[in-house]
Amino acid sequence: MITHKQLSLADIFSDCKEKFENNKSLFLSLLENTINLDDLVPASFINHFYASTGRPRKYMLYAMLRALILQRIFSIPTDSLLIIFLKHSQ
């Protein structure tokens, strides 16, 4: 007989924390596969971001959002440190 184990938030948190501390690349790929930005970002925001008025965009919207998510995860306090972090990371 197969017994089922109920998932708990504590188990999920400890698993994510372990990956974050010991295997950053696995953690980042887990985030990329789990977080669907299409579900989070409204179409109206995307349309405004890529509107023909205003300054031309140097970076794509989702790349910017991923960088900002990384900034929060790694507790990078300033944008200039985030840029340095991204330049020296693979």
C-alpha atoms as a PDB file:
ATOM      1  CA  MET A   1       0.000   0.000   0.000  1.00  0.00           C
ATOM      2  CA  ILE A   2       1.308   3.438  -0.941  1.00  0.00           C
ATOM      3  CA  THR A   3       1.172   6.031   1.761  1.00  0.00           C
ATOM      4  CA  HIS A   4       0.899   9.665   0.856  1.00  0.00           C
ATOM      5  CA  LYS A   5       2.870  12.403   2.512  1.00  0.00           C
ATOM      6  CA  GLN A   6       1.305  15.812   2.768  1.00  0.00           C
ATOM      7  CA  LEU A   7       3.596  18.619   1.686  1.00  0.00           C
ATOM      8  CA  SER A   8       4.181  21.308   4.236  1.00  0.00           C
ATOM      9  CA  LEU A   9       5.361  24.840   3.666  1.00  0.00           C
ATOM     10  CA  ALA A  10       8.208  24.204   6.113  1.00  0.00           C
ATOM     11  CA  ASP A  11       9.467  21.278   3.989  1.00  0.00           C
ATOM     12  CA  ILE A  12       9.307  23.340   0.814  1.00  0.00           C
ATOM     13  CA  PHE A  13      11.058  26.261   2.501  1.00  0.00           C
ATOM     14  CA  SER A  14      13.851  24.089   3.896  1.00  0.00           C
ATOM     15  CA  ASP A  15      14.354  22.428   0.501  1.00  0.00           C
ATOM     16  CA  CYS A  16      14.566  25.824  -1.245  1.00  0.00           C
ATOM     17  CA  LYS A  17      16.872  27.171   1.448  1.00  0.00           C
ATOM     18  CA  GLU A  18      19.178  24.168   1.083  1.00  0.00           C
ATOM     19  CA  LYS A  19      19.342  24.661  -2.697  1.00  0.00           C
ATOM     20  CA  PHE A  20      19.889  28.405  -2.264  1.00  0.00           C
ATOM     21  CA  GLU A  21      22.785  27.886   0.144  1.00  0.00           C
ATOM     22  CA  ASN A  22      24.464  24.900  -1.526  1.00  0.00           C
ATOM     23  CA  ASN A  23      23.620  24.973  -5.233  1.00  0.00           C
ATOM     24  CA  LYS A  24      22.860  28.470  -6.541  1.00  0.00           C
ATOM     25  CA  SER A  25      22.621  27.426 -10.202  1.00  0.00           C
ATOM     26  CA  LEU A  26      20.036  24.737  -9.373  1.00  0.00           C
ATOM     27  CA  PHE A  27      18.115  27.263  -7.280  1.00  0.00           C
ATOM     28  CA  LEU A  28      18.085  29.802 -10.129  1.00  0.00           C
ATOM     29  CA  SER A  29      16.971  27.213 -12.678  1.00  0.00           C
ATOM     30  CA  LEU A  30      14.242  26.138 -10.247  1.00  0.00           C
ATOM     31  CA  LEU A  31      13.058  29.740 -10.059  1.00  0.00           C
ATOM     32  CA  GLU A  32      13.142  30.138 -13.823  1.00  0.00           C
ATOM     33  CA  ASN A  33      11.090  26.974 -14.306  1.00  0.00           C
ATOM     34  CA  THR A  34       8.639  27.773 -11.510  1.00  0.00           C
ATOM     35  CA  ILE A  35       7.903  31.480 -11.854  1.00  0.00           C
ATOM     36  CA  ASN A  36       5.939  32.223 -15.001  1.00  0.00           C
ATOM     37  CA  LEU A  37       6.215  35.956 -15.581  1.00  0.00           C
ATOM     38  CA  ASP A  38       3.438  35.784 -18.187  1.00  0.00           C
ATOM     39  CA  ASP A  39       1.036  34.999 -15.343  1.00  0.00           C
ATOM     40  CA  LEU A  40       2.331  37.825 -13.145  1.00  0.00           C
ATOM     41  CA  VAL A  41       2.726  40.729 -15.565  1.00  0.00           C
ATOM     42  CA  PRO A  42      -0.471  42.222 -17.009  1.00  0.00           C
ATOM     43  CA  ALA A  43      -0.605  42.622 -20.785  1.00  0.00           C
ATOM     44  CA  SER A  44      -1.298  46.344 -20.370  1.00  0.00           C
ATOM     45  CA  PHE A  45       2.011  46.770 -18.525  1.00  0.00           C
ATOM     46  CA  ILE A  46       3.870  44.914 -21.286  1.00  0.00           C
ATOM     47  CA  ASN A  47       2.201  47.097 -23.919  1.00  0.00           C
ATOM     48  CA  HIS A  48       3.158  50.282 -22.076  1.00  0.00           C
ATOM     49  CA  PHE A  49       6.712  49.051 -21.540  1.00  0.00           C
ATOM     50  CA  TYR A  50       7.210  48.437 -25.264  1.00  0.00           C
ATOM     51  CA  ALA A  51       5.211  51.487 -26.432  1.00  0.00           C
ATOM     52  CA  SER A  52       6.722  53.471 -29.270  1.00  0.00           C
ATOM     53  CA  THR A  53       6.642  56.690 -27.255  1.00  0.00           C
ATOM     54  CA  GLY A  54       9.427  57.576 -24.859  1.00  0.00           C
ATOM     55  CA  ARG A  55      12.968  56.356 -24.713  1.00  0.00           C
ATOM     56  CA  PRO A  56      13.878  53.150 -26.581  1.00  0.00           C
ATOM     57  CA  ARG A  57      14.355  50.139 -24.324  1.00  0.00           C
ATOM     58  CA  LYS A  58      17.895  48.818 -23.987  1.00  0.00           C
ATOM     59  CA  TYR A  59      16.841  45.642 -22.145  1.00  0.00           C
ATOM     60  CA  MET A  60      13.871  43.317 -22.471  1.00  0.00           C
ATOM     61  CA  LEU A  61      11.139  43.514 -19.816  1.00  0.00           C
ATOM     62  CA  TYR A  62      11.463  39.960 -18.497  1.00  0.00           C
ATOM     63  CA  ALA A  63      15.252  40.268 -18.257  1.00  0.00           C
ATOM     64  CA  MET A  64      14.787  43.390 -16.143  1.00  0.00           C
ATOM     65  CA  LEU A  65      12.209  41.678 -13.930  1.00  0.00           C
ATOM     66  CA  ARG A  66      14.442  38.624 -13.439  1.00  0.00           C
ATOM     67  CA  ALA A  67      17.328  40.894 -12.458  1.00  0.00           C
ATOM     68  CA  LEU A  68      15.108  42.685  -9.923  1.00  0.00           C
ATOM     69  CA  ILE A  69      13.922  39.358  -8.499  1.00  0.00           C
ATOM     70  CA  LEU A  70      17.567  38.298  -8.106  1.00  0.00           C
ATOM     71  CA  GLN A  71      18.292  41.599  -6.400  1.00  0.00           C
ATOM     72  CA  ARG A  72      15.635  40.836  -3.787  1.00  0.00           C
ATOM     73  CA  ILE A  73      16.644  37.187  -3.334  1.00  0.00           C
ATOM     74  CA  PHE A  74      20.332  37.962  -2.835  1.00  0.00           C
ATOM     75  CA  SER A  75      19.589  41.096  -0.762  1.00  0.00           C
ATOM     76  CA  ILE A  76      21.591  43.367  -3.053  1.00  0.00           C
ATOM     77  CA  PRO A  77      20.948  46.858  -1.643  1.00  0.00           C
ATOM     78  CA  THR A  78      21.620  49.065  -4.676  1.00  0.00           C
ATOM     79  CA  ASP A  79      21.177  48.922  -8.426  1.00  0.00           C
ATOM     80  CA  SER A  80      24.867  49.651  -8.998  1.00  0.00           C
ATOM     81  CA  LEU A  81      25.804  46.588  -6.915  1.00  0.00           C
ATOM     82  CA  LEU A  82      23.256  44.554  -8.867  1.00  0.00           C
ATOM     83  CA  ILE A  83      24.945  45.582 -12.127  1.00  0.00           C
ATOM     84  CA  ILE A  84      28.351  44.554 -10.760  1.00  0.00           C
ATOM     85  CA  PHE A  85      26.857  41.270  -9.522  1.00  0.00           C
ATOM     86  CA  LEU A  86      25.337  40.527 -12.929  1.00  0.00           C
ATOM     87  CA  LYS A  87      28.524  41.431 -14.815  1.00  0.00           C
ATOM     88  CA  HIS A  88      30.611  39.033 -12.717  1.00  0.00           C
ATOM     89  CA  SER A  89      28.069  36.200 -12.642  1.00  0.00           C
ATOM     90  CA  GLN A  90      27.424  33.645 -15.287  1.00  0.00           C
END
